[in-house]
Amino acid sequence: MLTYKRTDQPYYAAKIRVHQRIAGIDGVQIYPGNAGQDVITRSRGPWHFYALRPLLDSLKHAFHEEISDKERERKAASRR
């Protein structure tokens, strides 16, 4: 495990290979530093967990509101 020096947050370094079918799609450019998403498995589990994981993750992100720190502070102050 590594630690990001500016925030002291832990993270893992991983090497991800992109399948040739994905890398060869017309108009798709992949550069170092592009945001991406991958599922890293640490143990075996039921097959349906791996089949449904992308769908469940996208639903989780769809209903998550991203707000700035200032907006979060404003909302917290209005609740007081």
PDB file of N, CA and C in Angstrom:
ATOM      1  N   MET A   1       0.850  -1.166   0.000  1.00  0.00           N
ATOM      2  CA  MET A   1       0.000   0.000   0.000  1.00  0.00           C
ATOM      3  C   MET A   1       0.901   1.236   0.000  1.00  0.00           C
ATOM      4  N   LEU A   2       0.483   2.235  -0.767  1.00  0.00           N
ATOM      5  CA  LEU A   2       1.203   3.501  -0.864  1.00  0.00           C
ATOM      6  C   LEU A   2       0.385   4.593  -0.188  1.00  0.00           C
ATOM      7  N   THR A   3       1.010   5.735   0.048  1.00  0.00           N
ATOM      8  CA  THR A   3       0.307   6.866   0.660  1.00  0.00           C
ATOM      9  C   THR A   3       0.530   8.104  -0.184  1.00  0.00           C
ATOM     10  N   TYR A   4      -0.559   8.781  -0.534  1.00  0.00           N
ATOM     11  CA  TYR A   4      -0.486  10.028  -1.289  1.00  0.00           C
ATOM     12  C   TYR A   4       0.024  11.112  -0.352  1.00  0.00           C
ATOM     13  N   LYS A   5       1.161  11.719  -0.661  1.00  0.00           N
ATOM     14  CA  LYS A   5       1.840  12.630   0.264  1.00  0.00           C
ATOM     15  C   LYS A   5       1.039  13.875   0.613  1.00  0.00           C
ATOM     16  N   ARG A   6       0.291  14.443  -0.349  1.00  0.00           N
ATOM     17  CA  ARG A   6      -0.437  15.683  -0.072  1.00  0.00           C
ATOM     18  C   ARG A   6      -1.612  15.481   0.877  1.00  0.00           C
ATOM     19  N   THR A   7      -2.247  14.306   0.826  1.00  0.00           N
ATOM     20  CA  THR A   7      -3.457  14.095   1.635  1.00  0.00           C
ATOM     21  C   THR A   7      -3.306  12.982   2.667  1.00  0.00           C
ATOM     22  N   ASP A   8      -2.187  12.273   2.627  1.00  0.00           N
ATOM     23  CA  ASP A   8      -1.963  11.108   3.506  1.00  0.00           C
ATOM     24  C   ASP A   8      -3.006  10.010   3.307  1.00  0.00           C
ATOM     25  N   GLN A   9      -3.639   9.958   2.134  1.00  0.00           N
ATOM     26  CA  GLN A   9      -4.627   8.929   1.830  1.00  0.00           C
ATOM     27  C   GLN A   9      -3.918   7.693   1.269  1.00  0.00           C
ATOM     28  N   PRO A  10      -4.279   6.511   1.740  1.00  0.00           N
ATOM     29  CA  PRO A  10      -3.657   5.294   1.204  1.00  0.00           C
ATOM     30  C   PRO A  10      -4.242   4.929  -0.159  1.00  0.00           C
ATOM     31  N   TYR A  11      -3.443   4.292  -0.984  1.00  0.00           N
ATOM     32  CA  TYR A  11      -3.905   3.804  -2.284  1.00  0.00           C
ATOM     33  C   TYR A  11      -3.027   2.648  -2.719  1.00  0.00           C
ATOM     34  N   TYR A  12      -3.489   1.906  -3.689  1.00  0.00           N
ATOM     35  CA  TYR A  12      -2.738   0.793  -4.254  1.00  0.00           C
ATOM     36  C   TYR A  12      -2.343   1.141  -5.680  1.00  0.00           C
ATOM     37  N   ALA A  13      -1.161   0.734  -6.067  1.00  0.00           N
ATOM     38  CA  ALA A  13      -0.727   0.887  -7.454  1.00  0.00           C
ATOM     39  C   ALA A  13      -1.047  -0.415  -8.175  1.00  0.00           C
ATOM     40  N   ALA A  14      -1.543  -0.308  -9.396  1.00  0.00           N
ATOM     41  CA  ALA A  14      -1.888  -1.500 -10.176  1.00  0.00           C
ATOM     42  C   ALA A  14      -1.562  -1.266 -11.639  1.00  0.00           C
ATOM     43  N   LYS A  15      -1.213  -2.311 -12.331  1.00  0.00           N
ATOM     44  CA  LYS A  15      -1.014  -2.251 -13.775  1.00  0.00           C
ATOM     45  C   LYS A  15      -2.224  -2.902 -14.421  1.00  0.00           C
ATOM     46  N   ILE A  16      -2.875  -2.169 -15.303  1.00  0.00           N
ATOM     47  CA  ILE A  16      -4.083  -2.635 -15.971  1.00  0.00           C
ATOM     48  C   ILE A  16      -3.789  -2.761 -17.459  1.00  0.00           C
ATOM     49  N   ARG A  17      -4.115  -3.907 -18.035  1.00  0.00           N
ATOM     50  CA  ARG A  17      -3.972  -4.091 -19.474  1.00  0.00           C
ATOM     51  C   ARG A  17      -5.313  -3.845 -20.134  1.00  0.00           C
ATOM     52  N   VAL A  18      -5.305  -3.076 -21.208  1.00  0.00           N
ATOM     53  CA  VAL A  18      -6.519  -2.798 -21.978  1.00  0.00           C
ATOM     54  C   VAL A  18      -6.607  -3.817 -23.107  1.00  0.00           C
ATOM     55  N   HIS A  19      -7.748  -4.480 -23.207  1.00  0.00           N
ATOM     56  CA  HIS A  19      -7.938  -5.484 -24.255  1.00  0.00           C
ATOM     57  C   HIS A  19      -7.853  -4.815 -25.623  1.00  0.00           C
ATOM     58  N   GLN A  20      -7.299  -5.512 -26.585  1.00  0.00           N
ATOM     59  CA  GLN A  20      -7.102  -4.946 -27.924  1.00  0.00           C
ATOM     60  C   GLN A  20      -8.402  -4.495 -28.571  1.00  0.00           C
ATOM     61  N   ARG A  21      -9.522  -5.190 -28.278  1.00  0.00           N
ATOM     62  CA  ARG A  21     -10.801  -4.772 -28.856  1.00  0.00           C
ATOM     63  C   ARG A  21     -11.209  -3.396 -28.360  1.00  0.00           C
ATOM     64  N   ILE A  22     -10.912  -3.088 -27.105  1.00  0.00           N
ATOM     65  CA  ILE A  22     -11.245  -1.765 -26.550  1.00  0.00           C
ATOM     66  C   ILE A  22     -10.291  -0.718 -27.103  1.00  0.00           C
ATOM     67  N   ALA A  23      -9.011  -1.028 -27.112  1.00  0.00           N
ATOM     68  CA  ALA A  23      -8.003  -0.073 -27.573  1.00  0.00           C
ATOM     69  C   ALA A  23      -8.143   0.215 -29.058  1.00  0.00           C
ATOM     70  N   GLY A  24      -8.738  -0.699 -29.820  1.00  0.00           N
ATOM     71  CA  GLY A  24      -8.840  -0.520 -31.259  1.00  0.00           C
ATOM     72  C   GLY A  24     -10.132   0.119 -31.737  1.00  0.00           C
ATOM     73  N   ILE A  25     -10.996   0.567 -30.844  1.00  0.00           N
ATOM     74  CA  ILE A  25     -12.258   1.187 -31.242  1.00  0.00           C
ATOM     75  C   ILE A  25     -11.965   2.523 -31.928  1.00  0.00           C
ATOM     76  N   ASP A  26     -12.603   2.767 -33.067  1.00  0.00           N
ATOM     77  CA  ASP A  26     -12.390   4.012 -33.810  1.00  0.00           C
ATOM     78  C   ASP A  26     -12.715   5.228 -32.949  1.00  0.00           C
ATOM     79  N   GLY A  27     -11.828   6.185 -32.945  1.00  0.00           N
ATOM     80  CA  GLY A  27     -12.061   7.433 -32.229  1.00  0.00           C
ATOM     81  C   GLY A  27     -11.703   7.385 -30.755  1.00  0.00           C
ATOM     82  N   VAL A  28     -11.330   6.226 -30.236  1.00  0.00           N
ATOM     83  CA  VAL A  28     -10.978   6.121 -28.816  1.00  0.00           C
ATOM     84  C   VAL A  28      -9.481   6.336 -28.665  1.00  0.00           C
ATOM     85  N   GLN A  29      -9.126   7.315 -27.867  1.00  0.00           N
ATOM     86  CA  GLN A  29      -7.720   7.600 -27.590  1.00  0.00           C
ATOM     87  C   GLN A  29      -7.473   7.327 -26.106  1.00  0.00           C
ATOM     88  N   ILE A  30      -6.509   6.493 -25.799  1.00  0.00           N
ATOM     89  CA  ILE A  30      -6.175   6.193 -24.409  1.00  0.00           C
ATOM     90  C   ILE A  30      -4.802   6.778 -24.126  1.00  0.00           C
ATOM     91  N   TYR A  31      -4.749   7.621 -23.107  1.00  0.00           N
ATOM     92  CA  TYR A  31      -3.511   8.287 -22.721  1.00  0.00           C
ATOM     93  C   TYR A  31      -3.213   8.012 -21.245  1.00  0.00           C
ATOM     94  N   PRO A  32      -1.941   8.035 -20.866  1.00  0.00           N
ATOM     95  CA  PRO A  32      -1.625   7.911 -19.437  1.00  0.00           C
ATOM     96  C   PRO A  32      -2.308   9.034 -18.662  1.00  0.00           C
ATOM     97  N   GLY A  33      -2.913   8.681 -17.547  1.00  0.00           N
ATOM     98  CA  GLY A  33      -3.589   9.672 -16.727  1.00  0.00           C
ATOM     99  C   GLY A  33      -5.080   9.764 -16.981  1.00  0.00           C
ATOM    100  N   ASN A  34      -5.598   9.097 -18.052  1.00  0.00           N
ATOM    101  CA  ASN A  34      -7.040   9.079 -18.288  1.00  0.00           C
ATOM    102  C   ASN A  34      -7.730   8.403 -17.112  1.00  0.00           C
ATOM    103  N   ALA A  35      -8.887   8.915 -16.754  1.00  0.00           N
ATOM    104  CA  ALA A  35      -9.671   8.272 -15.701  1.00  0.00           C
ATOM    105  C   ALA A  35     -10.190   6.941 -16.221  1.00  0.00           C
ATOM    106  N   GLY A  36     -10.253   5.985 -15.348  1.00  0.00           N
ATOM    107  CA  GLY A  36     -10.751   4.676 -15.725  1.00  0.00           C
ATOM    108  C   GLY A  36     -11.345   3.981 -14.523  1.00  0.00           C
ATOM    109  N   GLN A  37     -11.961   2.867 -14.779  1.00  0.00           N
ATOM    110  CA  GLN A  37     -12.579   2.110 -13.704  1.00  0.00           C
ATOM    111  C   GLN A  37     -12.347   0.639 -13.977  1.00  0.00           C
ATOM    112  N   ASP A  38     -11.989  -0.088 -12.942  1.00  0.00           N
ATOM    113  CA  ASP A  38     -11.738  -1.511 -13.083  1.00  0.00           C
ATOM    114  C   ASP A  38     -12.157  -2.199 -11.792  1.00  0.00           C
ATOM    115  N   VAL A  39     -12.448  -3.462 -11.879  1.00  0.00           N
ATOM    116  CA  VAL A  39     -12.787  -4.248 -10.696  1.00  0.00           C
ATOM    117  C   VAL A  39     -11.604  -5.156 -10.405  1.00  0.00           C
ATOM    118  N   ILE A  40     -11.046  -5.023  -9.226  1.00  0.00           N
ATOM    119  CA  ILE A  40      -9.929  -5.852  -8.806  1.00  0.00           C
ATOM    120  C   ILE A  40     -10.466  -6.837  -7.784  1.00  0.00           C
ATOM    121  N   THR A  41     -10.383  -8.108  -8.096  1.00  0.00           N
ATOM    122  CA  THR A  41     -10.908  -9.131  -7.190  1.00  0.00           C
ATOM    123  C   THR A  41      -9.793  -9.663  -6.305  1.00  0.00           C
ATOM    124  N   ARG A  42     -10.131  -9.855  -5.045  1.00  0.00           N
ATOM    125  CA  ARG A  42      -9.163 -10.390  -4.099  1.00  0.00           C
ATOM    126  C   ARG A  42      -9.489 -11.828  -3.728  1.00  0.00           C
ATOM    127  N   SER A  43     -10.701 -12.264  -3.970  1.00  0.00           N
ATOM    128  CA  SER A  43     -11.079 -13.632  -3.648  1.00  0.00           C
ATOM    129  C   SER A  43     -12.180 -14.079  -4.600  1.00  0.00           C
ATOM    130  N   ARG A  44     -12.480 -15.341  -4.565  1.00  0.00           N
ATOM    131  CA  ARG A  44     -13.533 -15.882  -5.426  1.00  0.00           C
ATOM    132  C   ARG A  44     -14.883 -15.627  -4.781  1.00  0.00           C
ATOM    133  N   GLY A  45     -15.873 -15.422  -5.589  1.00  0.00           N
ATOM    134  CA  GLY A  45     -17.218 -15.202  -5.095  1.00  0.00           C
ATOM    135  C   GLY A  45     -18.217 -15.758  -6.078  1.00  0.00           C
ATOM    136  N   PRO A  46     -19.499 -15.593  -5.791  1.00  0.00           N
ATOM    137  CA  PRO A  46     -20.521 -16.084  -6.711  1.00  0.00           C
ATOM    138  C   PRO A  46     -20.441 -15.367  -8.060  1.00  0.00           C
ATOM    139  N   TRP A  47     -20.742 -16.089  -9.124  1.00  0.00           N
ATOM    140  CA  TRP A  47     -20.632 -15.522 -10.471  1.00  0.00           C
ATOM    141  C   TRP A  47     -21.525 -14.312 -10.655  1.00  0.00           C
ATOM    142  N   HIS A  48     -22.701 -14.316 -10.020  1.00  0.00           N
ATOM    143  CA  HIS A  48     -23.629 -13.205 -10.233  1.00  0.00           C
ATOM    144  C   HIS A  48     -23.102 -11.895  -9.640  1.00  0.00           C
ATOM    145  N   PHE A  49     -22.243 -11.987  -8.622  1.00  0.00           N
ATOM    146  CA  PHE A  49     -21.634 -10.772  -8.068  1.00  0.00           C
ATOM    147  C   PHE A  49     -20.791 -10.075  -9.143  1.00  0.00           C
ATOM    148  N   TYR A  50     -19.989 -10.830  -9.865  1.00  0.00           N
ATOM    149  CA  TYR A  50     -19.129 -10.247 -10.904  1.00  0.00           C
ATOM    150  C   TYR A  50     -19.947  -9.792 -12.109  1.00  0.00           C
ATOM    151  N   ALA A  51     -21.049 -10.484 -12.397  1.00  0.00           N
ATOM    152  CA  ALA A  51     -21.890 -10.108 -13.528  1.00  0.00           C
ATOM    153  C   ALA A  51     -22.668  -8.823 -13.245  1.00  0.00           C
ATOM    154  N   LEU A  52     -23.121  -8.642 -12.009  1.00  0.00           N
ATOM    155  CA  LEU A  52     -23.933  -7.479 -11.661  1.00  0.00           C
ATOM    156  C   LEU A  52     -23.118  -6.282 -11.170  1.00  0.00           C
ATOM    157  N   ARG A  53     -21.875  -6.468 -10.834  1.00  0.00           N
ATOM    158  CA  ARG A  53     -21.052  -5.401 -10.254  1.00  0.00           C
ATOM    159  C   ARG A  53     -21.021  -4.128 -11.100  1.00  0.00           C
ATOM    160  N   PRO A  54     -20.781  -4.184 -12.418  1.00  0.00           N
ATOM    161  CA  PRO A  54     -20.767  -2.946 -13.216  1.00  0.00           C
ATOM    162  C   PRO A  54     -22.103  -2.205 -13.173  1.00  0.00           C
ATOM    163  N   LEU A  55     -23.209  -2.945 -13.212  1.00  0.00           N
ATOM    164  CA  LEU A  55     -24.526  -2.314 -13.153  1.00  0.00           C
ATOM    165  C   LEU A  55     -24.755  -1.645 -11.801  1.00  0.00           C
ATOM    166  N   LEU A  56     -24.432  -2.340 -10.730  1.00  0.00           N
ATOM    167  CA  LEU A  56     -24.616  -1.778  -9.388  1.00  0.00           C
ATOM    168  C   LEU A  56     -23.725  -0.549  -9.176  1.00  0.00           C
ATOM    169  N   ASP A  57     -22.506  -0.600  -9.671  1.00  0.00           N
ATOM    170  CA  ASP A  57     -21.605   0.552  -9.543  1.00  0.00           C
ATOM    171  C   ASP A  57     -22.133   1.758 -10.306  1.00  0.00           C
ATOM    172  N   SER A  58     -22.655   1.545 -11.514  1.00  0.00           N
ATOM    173  CA  SER A  58     -23.163   2.676 -12.292  1.00  0.00           C
ATOM    174  C   SER A  58     -24.405   3.272 -11.638  1.00  0.00           C
ATOM    175  N   LEU A  59     -25.250   2.443 -11.044  1.00  0.00           N
ATOM    176  CA  LEU A  59     -26.414   2.960 -10.325  1.00  0.00           C
ATOM    177  C   LEU A  59     -25.987   3.782  -9.109  1.00  0.00           C
ATOM    178  N   LYS A  60     -24.975   3.298  -8.406  1.00  0.00           N
ATOM    179  CA  LYS A  60     -24.475   4.025  -7.240  1.00  0.00           C
ATOM    180  C   LYS A  60     -23.965   5.406  -7.650  1.00  0.00           C
ATOM    181  N   HIS A  61     -23.247   5.472  -8.767  1.00  0.00           N
ATOM    182  CA  HIS A  61     -22.717   6.754  -9.236  1.00  0.00           C
ATOM    183  C   HIS A  61     -23.816   7.656  -9.792  1.00  0.00           C
ATOM    184  N   ALA A  62     -24.843   7.060 -10.371  1.00  0.00           N
ATOM    185  CA  ALA A  62     -25.923   7.849 -10.962  1.00  0.00           C
ATOM    186  C   ALA A  62     -26.708   8.618  -9.913  1.00  0.00           C
ATOM    187  N   PHE A  63     -26.835   8.066  -8.724  1.00  0.00           N
ATOM    188  CA  PHE A  63     -27.622   8.704  -7.676  1.00  0.00           C
ATOM    189  C   PHE A  63     -26.763   9.433  -6.646  1.00  0.00           C
ATOM    190  N   HIS A  64     -25.508   9.643  -6.971  1.00  0.00           N
ATOM    191  CA  HIS A  64     -24.582  10.343  -6.073  1.00  0.00           C
ATOM    192  C   HIS A  64     -24.372  11.758  -6.598  1.00  0.00           C
ATOM    193  N   GLU A  65     -24.666  12.737  -5.765  1.00  0.00           N
ATOM    194  CA  GLU A  65     -24.513  14.132  -6.166  1.00  0.00           C
ATOM    195  C   GLU A  65     -23.126  14.618  -5.782  1.00  0.00           C
ATOM    196  N   GLU A  66     -22.400  15.112  -6.755  1.00  0.00           N
ATOM    197  CA  GLU A  66     -21.077  15.661  -6.477  1.00  0.00           C
ATOM    198  C   GLU A  66     -21.216  17.158  -6.246  1.00  0.00           C
ATOM    199  N   ILE A  67     -20.765  17.618  -5.081  1.00  0.00           N
ATOM    200  CA  ILE A  67     -20.843  19.040  -4.761  1.00  0.00           C
ATOM    201  C   ILE A  67     -19.480  19.515  -4.289  1.00  0.00           C
ATOM    202  N   SER A  68     -19.248  20.802  -4.407  1.00  0.00           N
ATOM    203  CA  SER A  68     -17.980  21.378  -3.995  1.00  0.00           C
ATOM    204  C   SER A  68     -17.942  21.509  -2.476  1.00  0.00           C
ATOM    205  N   ASP A  69     -16.754  21.747  -1.942  1.00  0.00           N
ATOM    206  CA  ASP A  69     -16.605  21.934  -0.498  1.00  0.00           C
ATOM    207  C   ASP A  69     -17.403  23.139  -0.013  1.00  0.00           C
ATOM    208  N   LYS A  70     -17.411  24.218  -0.810  1.00  0.00           N
ATOM    209  CA  LYS A  70     -18.167  25.415  -0.418  1.00  0.00           C
ATOM    210  C   LYS A  70     -19.654  25.116  -0.346  1.00  0.00           C
ATOM    211  N   GLU A  71     -20.166  24.369  -1.332  1.00  0.00           N
ATOM    212  CA  GLU A  71     -21.584  24.013  -1.336  1.00  0.00           C
ATOM    213  C   GLU A  71     -21.914  23.103  -0.152  1.00  0.00           C
ATOM    214  N   ARG A  72     -21.024  22.172   0.162  1.00  0.00           N
ATOM    215  CA  ARG A  72     -21.227  21.273   1.306  1.00  0.00           C
ATOM    216  C   ARG A  72     -21.280  22.081   2.605  1.00  0.00           C
ATOM    217  N   GLU A  73     -20.390  23.056   2.758  1.00  0.00           N
ATOM    218  CA  GLU A  73     -20.376  23.911   3.956  1.00  0.00           C
ATOM    219  C   GLU A  73     -21.659  24.742   4.043  1.00  0.00           C
ATOM    220  N   ARG A  74     -22.120  25.257   2.894  1.00  0.00           N
ATOM    221  CA  ARG A  74     -23.337  26.057   2.879  1.00  0.00           C
ATOM    222  C   ARG A  74     -24.545  25.215   3.299  1.00  0.00           C
ATOM    223  N   LYS A  75     -24.618  23.995   2.776  1.00  0.00           N
ATOM    224  CA  LYS A  75     -25.735  23.121   3.154  1.00  0.00           C
ATOM    225  C   LYS A  75     -25.684  22.773   4.618  1.00  0.00           C
ATOM    226  N   ALA A  76     -24.489  22.512   5.149  1.00  0.00           N
ATOM    227  CA  ALA A  76     -24.350  22.182   6.569  1.00  0.00           C
ATOM    228  C   ALA A  76     -24.752  23.372   7.437  1.00  0.00           C
ATOM    229  N   ALA A  77     -24.387  24.580   7.021  1.00  0.00           N
ATOM    230  CA  ALA A  77     -24.731  25.775   7.793  1.00  0.00           C
ATOM    231  C   ALA A  77     -26.240  26.031   7.779  1.00  0.00           C
ATOM    232  N   SER A  78     -26.897  25.691   6.668  1.00  0.00           N
ATOM    233  CA  SER A  78     -28.342  25.938   6.575  1.00  0.00           C
ATOM    234  C   SER A  78     -29.132  24.944   7.417  1.00  0.00           C
ATOM    235  N   ARG A  79     -28.543  23.809   7.773  1.00  0.00           N
ATOM    236  CA  ARG A  79     -29.216  22.817   8.610  1.00  0.00           C
ATOM    237  C   ARG A  79     -29.170  23.189  10.095  1.00  0.00           C
ATOM    238  N   ARG A  80     -28.237  24.055  10.446  1.00  0.00           N
ATOM    239  CA  ARG A  80     -28.060  24.415  11.872  1.00  0.00           C
ATOM    240  C   ARG A  80     -29.120  25.333  12.358  1.00  0.00           C
TER     241      ARG A  80
END
